[in-house]
Amino acid sequence: MRFIAHLPKEIPYDTLSEKEENEMFKKKYYVYMTYEEKQILIESLIDMKNELIRQGRYTDPVDELLIKILSTM
């Protein structure tokens, strides 16, 4: 089974105040997944990265997330 994430091309950050934006990025979220769930997530992130590369877009956030997930395995 494949999970497909539909993400907006641009996130409307201008709707947040500076305080709300700072609070949003300071929060940490912990997600507990099985090995199989992590594999699905990794495959999906790699697919997303490949699509971003094809579009000529920036991939660093996806790379950072991949590193975080791979470091837990």
PDB file of N, CA and C in Angstrom:
ATOM      1  N   MET A   1       0.853  -1.178   0.000  1.00  0.00           N
ATOM      2  CA  MET A   1       0.000   0.000   0.000  1.00  0.00           C
ATOM      3  C   MET A   1       0.896   1.238   0.000  1.00  0.00           C
ATOM      4  N   ARG A   2       0.595   2.197  -0.836  1.00  0.00           N
ATOM      5  CA  ARG A   2       1.341   3.431  -0.939  1.00  0.00           C
ATOM      6  C   ARG A   2       0.532   4.587  -0.381  1.00  0.00           C
ATOM      7  N   PHE A   3       1.188   5.451   0.354  1.00  0.00           N
ATOM      8  CA  PHE A   3       0.553   6.657   0.850  1.00  0.00           C
ATOM      9  C   PHE A   3       1.006   7.806  -0.025  1.00  0.00           C
ATOM     10  N   ILE A   4       0.086   8.611  -0.458  1.00  0.00           N
ATOM     11  CA  ILE A   4       0.418   9.747  -1.306  1.00  0.00           C
ATOM     12  C   ILE A   4       0.042  11.021  -0.568  1.00  0.00           C
ATOM     13  N   ALA A   5       1.024  11.873  -0.393  1.00  0.00           N
ATOM     14  CA  ALA A   5       0.778  13.144   0.284  1.00  0.00           C
ATOM     15  C   ALA A   5       0.577  14.227  -0.774  1.00  0.00           C
ATOM     16  N   HIS A   6      -0.485  14.939  -0.667  1.00  0.00           N
ATOM     17  CA  HIS A   6      -0.735  16.068  -1.555  1.00  0.00           C
ATOM     18  C   HIS A   6      -0.443  17.333  -0.769  1.00  0.00           C
ATOM     19  N   LEU A   7       0.680  17.934  -1.068  1.00  0.00           N
ATOM     20  CA  LEU A   7       1.110  19.125  -0.348  1.00  0.00           C
ATOM     21  C   LEU A   7       0.907  20.353  -1.226  1.00  0.00           C
ATOM     22  N   PRO A   8       0.553  21.466  -0.605  1.00  0.00           N
ATOM     23  CA  PRO A   8       0.404  22.689  -1.398  1.00  0.00           C
ATOM     24  C   PRO A   8       1.752  23.112  -1.947  1.00  0.00           C
ATOM     25  N   LYS A   9       1.755  23.750  -3.108  1.00  0.00           N
ATOM     26  CA  LYS A   9       3.020  24.197  -3.699  1.00  0.00           C
ATOM     27  C   LYS A   9       3.652  25.294  -2.853  1.00  0.00           C
ATOM     28  N   GLU A  10       2.830  26.114  -2.252  1.00  0.00           N
ATOM     29  CA  GLU A  10       3.331  27.166  -1.380  1.00  0.00           C
ATOM     30  C   GLU A  10       2.475  27.201  -0.125  1.00  0.00           C
ATOM     31  N   ILE A  11       3.131  27.277   1.024  1.00  0.00           N
ATOM     32  CA  ILE A  11       2.414  27.344   2.290  1.00  0.00           C
ATOM     33  C   ILE A  11       2.176  28.819   2.618  1.00  0.00           C
ATOM     34  N   PRO A  12       0.948  29.205   2.898  1.00  0.00           N
ATOM     35  CA  PRO A  12       0.649  30.627   3.142  1.00  0.00           C
ATOM     36  C   PRO A  12       1.076  31.074   4.545  1.00  0.00           C
ATOM     37  N   TYR A  13       2.392  31.295   4.724  1.00  0.00           N
ATOM     38  CA  TYR A  13       2.891  31.713   6.033  1.00  0.00           C
ATOM     39  C   TYR A  13       2.427  33.114   6.406  1.00  0.00           C
ATOM     40  N   ASP A  14       2.031  33.899   5.419  1.00  0.00           N
ATOM     41  CA  ASP A  14       1.636  35.272   5.713  1.00  0.00           C
ATOM     42  C   ASP A  14       0.352  35.348   6.533  1.00  0.00           C
ATOM     43  N   THR A  15      -0.338  34.214   6.709  1.00  0.00           N
ATOM     44  CA  THR A  15      -1.560  34.219   7.512  1.00  0.00           C
ATOM     45  C   THR A  15      -1.249  34.075   8.999  1.00  0.00           C
ATOM     46  N   LEU A  16       0.012  33.756   9.339  1.00  0.00           N
ATOM     47  CA  LEU A  16       0.404  33.601  10.735  1.00  0.00           C
ATOM     48  C   LEU A  16       1.110  34.854  11.228  1.00  0.00           C
ATOM     49  N   SER A  17       0.883  35.174  12.502  1.00  0.00           N
ATOM     50  CA  SER A  17       1.648  36.272  13.085  1.00  0.00           C
ATOM     51  C   SER A  17       3.057  35.752  13.369  1.00  0.00           C
ATOM     52  N   GLU A  18       3.989  36.641  13.619  1.00  0.00           N
ATOM     53  CA  GLU A  18       5.367  36.226  13.885  1.00  0.00           C
ATOM     54  C   GLU A  18       5.433  35.355  15.134  1.00  0.00           C
ATOM     55  N   LYS A  19       4.649  35.684  16.160  1.00  0.00           N
ATOM     56  CA  LYS A  19       4.635  34.901  17.397  1.00  0.00           C
ATOM     57  C   LYS A  19       4.101  33.491  17.134  1.00  0.00           C
ATOM     58  N   GLU A  20       3.015  33.388  16.370  1.00  0.00           N
ATOM     59  CA  GLU A  20       2.448  32.075  16.050  1.00  0.00           C
ATOM     60  C   GLU A  20       3.437  31.234  15.237  1.00  0.00           C
ATOM     61  N   GLU A  21       4.124  31.885  14.318  1.00  0.00           N
ATOM     62  CA  GLU A  21       5.089  31.171  13.489  1.00  0.00           C
ATOM     63  C   GLU A  21       6.239  30.644  14.336  1.00  0.00           C
ATOM     64  N   ASN A  22       6.758  31.463  15.259  1.00  0.00           N
ATOM     65  CA  ASN A  22       7.845  31.024  16.132  1.00  0.00           C
ATOM     66  C   ASN A  22       7.404  29.869  17.019  1.00  0.00           C
ATOM     67  N   GLU A  23       6.185  29.935  17.565  1.00  0.00           N
ATOM     68  CA  GLU A  23       5.685  28.865  18.424  1.00  0.00           C
ATOM     69  C   GLU A  23       5.511  27.577  17.634  1.00  0.00           C
ATOM     70  N   MET A  24       5.068  27.685  16.398  1.00  0.00           N
ATOM     71  CA  MET A  24       4.847  26.517  15.568  1.00  0.00           C
ATOM     72  C   MET A  24       6.162  25.765  15.318  1.00  0.00           C
ATOM     73  N   PHE A  25       7.244  26.493  15.082  1.00  0.00           N
ATOM     74  CA  PHE A  25       8.506  25.855  14.776  1.00  0.00           C
ATOM     75  C   PHE A  25       9.257  25.400  16.025  1.00  0.00           C
ATOM     76  N   LYS A  26       8.872  25.840  17.202  1.00  0.00           N
ATOM     77  CA  LYS A  26       9.526  25.412  18.433  1.00  0.00           C
ATOM     78  C   LYS A  26       8.971  24.091  18.957  1.00  0.00           C
ATOM     79  N   LYS A  27       7.759  23.737  18.564  1.00  0.00           N
ATOM     80  CA  LYS A  27       7.138  22.509  19.058  1.00  0.00           C
ATOM     81  C   LYS A  27       7.843  21.301  18.474  1.00  0.00           C
ATOM     82  N   LYS A  28       7.961  20.253  19.302  1.00  0.00           N
ATOM     83  CA  LYS A  28       8.510  18.992  18.834  1.00  0.00           C
ATOM     84  C   LYS A  28       7.405  17.957  18.872  1.00  0.00           C
ATOM     85  N   TYR A  29       7.376  17.151  17.850  1.00  0.00           N
ATOM     86  CA  TYR A  29       6.386  16.095  17.765  1.00  0.00           C
ATOM     87  C   TYR A  29       7.102  14.759  17.696  1.00  0.00           C
ATOM     88  N   TYR A  30       6.612  13.782  18.425  1.00  0.00           N
ATOM     89  CA  TYR A  30       7.182  12.452  18.430  1.00  0.00           C
ATOM     90  C   TYR A  30       6.160  11.485  17.855  1.00  0.00           C
ATOM     91  N   VAL A  31       6.618  10.696  16.905  1.00  0.00           N
ATOM     92  CA  VAL A  31       5.741   9.735  16.249  1.00  0.00           C
ATOM     93  C   VAL A  31       6.372   8.363  16.423  1.00  0.00           C
ATOM     94  N   TYR A  32       5.593   7.413  16.906  1.00  0.00           N
ATOM     95  CA  TYR A  32       6.065   6.056  17.085  1.00  0.00           C
ATOM     96  C   TYR A  32       5.546   5.201  15.948  1.00  0.00           C
ATOM     97  N   MET A  33       6.487   4.541  15.235  1.00  0.00           N
ATOM     98  CA  MET A  33       6.117   3.747  14.069  1.00  0.00           C
ATOM     99  C   MET A  33       6.810   2.394  14.115  1.00  0.00           C
ATOM    100  N   THR A  34       6.189   1.431  13.480  1.00  0.00           N
ATOM    101  CA  THR A  34       6.823   0.129  13.323  1.00  0.00           C
ATOM    102  C   THR A  34       7.874   0.241  12.219  1.00  0.00           C
ATOM    103  N   TYR A  35       8.688  -0.787  12.098  1.00  0.00           N
ATOM    104  CA  TYR A  35       9.714  -0.813  11.068  1.00  0.00           C
ATOM    105  C   TYR A  35       9.076  -0.696   9.682  1.00  0.00           C
ATOM    106  N   GLU A  36       7.988  -1.405   9.462  1.00  0.00           N
ATOM    107  CA  GLU A  36       7.312  -1.382   8.164  1.00  0.00           C
ATOM    108  C   GLU A  36       6.757   0.011   7.855  1.00  0.00           C
ATOM    109  N   GLU A  37       6.205   0.678   8.867  1.00  0.00           N
ATOM    110  CA  GLU A  37       5.683   2.037   8.669  1.00  0.00           C
ATOM    111  C   GLU A  37       6.800   3.003   8.308  1.00  0.00           C
ATOM    112  N   LYS A  38       7.959   2.828   8.954  1.00  0.00           N
ATOM    113  CA  LYS A  38       9.106   3.682   8.627  1.00  0.00           C
ATOM    114  C   LYS A  38       9.554   3.448   7.190  1.00  0.00           C
ATOM    115  N   GLN A  39       9.542   2.191   6.748  1.00  0.00           N
ATOM    116  CA  GLN A  39       9.930   1.881   5.375  1.00  0.00           C
ATOM    117  C   GLN A  39       9.010   2.574   4.382  1.00  0.00           C
ATOM    118  N   ILE A  40       7.713   2.551   4.649  1.00  0.00           N
ATOM    119  CA  ILE A  40       6.743   3.214   3.775  1.00  0.00           C
ATOM    120  C   ILE A  40       6.998   4.723   3.755  1.00  0.00           C
ATOM    121  N   LEU A  41       7.252   5.288   4.924  1.00  0.00           N
ATOM    122  CA  LEU A  41       7.523   6.723   5.006  1.00  0.00           C
ATOM    123  C   LEU A  41       8.788   7.087   4.239  1.00  0.00           C
ATOM    124  N   ILE A  42       9.835   6.294   4.391  1.00  0.00           N
ATOM    125  CA  ILE A  42      11.092   6.557   3.691  1.00  0.00           C
ATOM    126  C   ILE A  42      10.893   6.493   2.185  1.00  0.00           C
ATOM    127  N   GLU A  43      10.189   5.464   1.712  1.00  0.00           N
ATOM    128  CA  GLU A  43       9.928   5.343   0.275  1.00  0.00           C
ATOM    129  C   GLU A  43       9.132   6.545  -0.234  1.00  0.00           C
ATOM    130  N   SER A  44       8.153   6.975   0.538  1.00  0.00           N
ATOM    131  CA  SER A  44       7.334   8.120   0.127  1.00  0.00           C
ATOM    132  C   SER A  44       8.154   9.404   0.083  1.00  0.00           C
ATOM    133  N   LEU A  45       9.039   9.587   1.067  1.00  0.00           N
ATOM    134  CA  LEU A  45       9.886  10.781   1.077  1.00  0.00           C
ATOM    135  C   LEU A  45      10.874  10.770  -0.088  1.00  0.00           C
ATOM    136  N   ILE A  46      11.394   9.599  -0.425  1.00  0.00           N
ATOM    137  CA  ILE A  46      12.302   9.503  -1.567  1.00  0.00           C
ATOM    138  C   ILE A  46      11.554   9.837  -2.856  1.00  0.00           C
ATOM    139  N   ASP A  47      10.319   9.329  -2.982  1.00  0.00           N
ATOM    140  CA  ASP A  47       9.500   9.672  -4.148  1.00  0.00           C
ATOM    141  C   ASP A  47       9.253  11.180  -4.217  1.00  0.00           C
ATOM    142  N   MET A  48       8.968  11.789  -3.055  1.00  0.00           N
ATOM    143  CA  MET A  48       8.720  13.228  -3.004  1.00  0.00           C
ATOM    144  C   MET A  48       9.985  13.997  -3.400  1.00  0.00           C
ATOM    145  N   LYS A  49      11.130  13.547  -2.893  1.00  0.00           N
ATOM    146  CA  LYS A  49      12.393  14.209  -3.227  1.00  0.00           C
ATOM    147  C   LYS A  49      12.656  14.119  -4.728  1.00  0.00           C
ATOM    148  N   ASN A  50      12.428  12.953  -5.313  1.00  0.00           N
ATOM    149  CA  ASN A  50      12.633  12.791  -6.757  1.00  0.00           C
ATOM    150  C   ASN A  50      11.715  13.711  -7.556  1.00  0.00           C
ATOM    151  N   GLU A  51      10.479  13.855  -7.108  1.00  0.00           N
ATOM    152  CA  GLU A  51       9.549  14.748  -7.788  1.00  0.00           C
ATOM    153  C   GLU A  51      10.006  16.209  -7.672  1.00  0.00           C
ATOM    154  N   LEU A  52      10.478  16.593  -6.496  1.00  0.00           N
ATOM    155  CA  LEU A  52      10.989  17.960  -6.316  1.00  0.00           C
ATOM    156  C   LEU A  52      12.196  18.213  -7.203  1.00  0.00           C
ATOM    157  N   ILE A  53      13.074  17.211  -7.326  1.00  0.00           N
ATOM    158  CA  ILE A  53      14.242  17.348  -8.193  1.00  0.00           C
ATOM    159  C   ILE A  53      13.800  17.524  -9.642  1.00  0.00           C
ATOM    160  N   ARG A  54      12.814  16.721 -10.072  1.00  0.00           N
ATOM    161  CA  ARG A  54      12.307  16.838 -11.445  1.00  0.00           C
ATOM    162  C   ARG A  54      11.745  18.235 -11.709  1.00  0.00           C
ATOM    163  N   GLN A  55      11.139  18.818 -10.665  1.00  0.00           N
ATOM    164  CA  GLN A  55      10.549  20.156 -10.810  1.00  0.00           C
ATOM    165  C   GLN A  55      11.585  21.271 -10.628  1.00  0.00           C
ATOM    166  N   GLY A  56      12.807  20.904 -10.254  1.00  0.00           N
ATOM    167  CA  GLY A  56      13.855  21.899 -10.036  1.00  0.00           C
ATOM    168  C   GLY A  56      13.662  22.669  -8.745  1.00  0.00           C
ATOM    169  N   ARG A  57      13.011  22.033  -7.772  1.00  0.00           N
ATOM    170  CA  ARG A  57      12.721  22.715  -6.506  1.00  0.00           C
ATOM    171  C   ARG A  57      13.697  22.279  -5.422  1.00  0.00           C
ATOM    172  N   TYR A  58      13.690  23.000  -4.337  1.00  0.00           N
ATOM    173  CA  TYR A  58      14.549  22.847  -3.176  1.00  0.00           C
ATOM    174  C   TYR A  58      14.186  21.566  -2.419  1.00  0.00           C
ATOM    175  N   THR A  59      15.183  20.702  -2.069  1.00  0.00           N
ATOM    176  CA  THR A  59      14.900  19.418  -1.408  1.00  0.00           C
ATOM    177  C   THR A  59      15.444  19.314   0.016  1.00  0.00           C
ATOM    178  N   ASP A  60      16.090  20.343   0.526  1.00  0.00           N
ATOM    179  CA  ASP A  60      16.718  20.244   1.846  1.00  0.00           C
ATOM    180  C   ASP A  60      15.775  19.842   2.979  1.00  0.00           C
ATOM    181  N   PRO A  61      14.547  20.356   3.054  1.00  0.00           N
ATOM    182  CA  PRO A  61      13.661  19.918   4.148  1.00  0.00           C
ATOM    183  C   PRO A  61      13.367  18.408   4.101  1.00  0.00           C
ATOM    184  N   VAL A  62      13.197  17.869   2.903  1.00  0.00           N
ATOM    185  CA  VAL A  62      12.956  16.428   2.770  1.00  0.00           C
ATOM    186  C   VAL A  62      14.217  15.672   3.182  1.00  0.00           C
ATOM    187  N   ASP A  63      15.388  16.165   2.789  1.00  0.00           N
ATOM    188  CA  ASP A  63      16.652  15.533   3.174  1.00  0.00           C
ATOM    189  C   ASP A  63      16.810  15.495   4.689  1.00  0.00           C
ATOM    190  N   GLU A  64      16.502  16.607   5.348  1.00  0.00           N
ATOM    191  CA  GLU A  64      16.614  16.673   6.804  1.00  0.00           C
ATOM    192  C   GLU A  64      15.695  15.668   7.486  1.00  0.00           C
ATOM    193  N   LEU A  65      14.484  15.549   6.983  1.00  0.00           N
ATOM    194  CA  LEU A  65      13.530  14.603   7.550  1.00  0.00           C
ATOM    195  C   LEU A  65      13.992  13.164   7.316  1.00  0.00           C
ATOM    196  N   LEU A  66      14.513  12.879   6.139  1.00  0.00           N
ATOM    197  CA  LEU A  66      15.044  11.546   5.860  1.00  0.00           C
ATOM    198  C   LEU A  66      16.174  11.200   6.823  1.00  0.00           C
ATOM    199  N   ILE A  67      17.061  12.141   7.061  1.00  0.00           N
ATOM    200  CA  ILE A  67      18.184  11.898   7.982  1.00  0.00           C
ATOM    201  C   ILE A  67      17.661  11.593   9.374  1.00  0.00           C
ATOM    202  N   LYS A  68      16.667  12.348   9.829  1.00  0.00           N
ATOM    203  CA  LYS A  68      16.108  12.109  11.170  1.00  0.00           C
ATOM    204  C   LYS A  68      15.486  10.728  11.260  1.00  0.00           C
ATOM    205  N   ILE A  69      14.756  10.322  10.241  1.00  0.00           N
ATOM    206  CA  ILE A  69      14.098   9.022  10.274  1.00  0.00           C
ATOM    207  C   ILE A  69      15.110   7.894  10.175  1.00  0.00           C
ATOM    208  N   LEU A  70      16.079   8.048   9.276  1.00  0.00           N
ATOM    209  CA  LEU A  70      17.079   6.992   9.093  1.00  0.00           C
ATOM    210  C   LEU A  70      17.969   6.833  10.333  1.00  0.00           C
ATOM    211  N   SER A  71      18.160   7.897  11.088  1.00  0.00           N
ATOM    212  CA  SER A  71      19.000   7.805  12.287  1.00  0.00           C
ATOM    213  C   SER A  71      18.321   7.028  13.415  1.00  0.00           C
ATOM    214  N   THR A  72      17.014   6.801  13.302  1.00  0.00           N
ATOM    215  CA  THR A  72      16.294   6.047  14.338  1.00  0.00           C
ATOM    216  C   THR A  72      16.249   4.555  14.049  1.00  0.00           C
ATOM    217  N   MET A  73      16.727   4.162  12.883  1.00  0.00           N
ATOM    218  CA  MET A  73      16.638   2.735  12.502  1.00  0.00           C
ATOM    219  C   MET A  73      17.858   1.966  12.942  1.00  0.00           C
TER     220      MET A  73
END
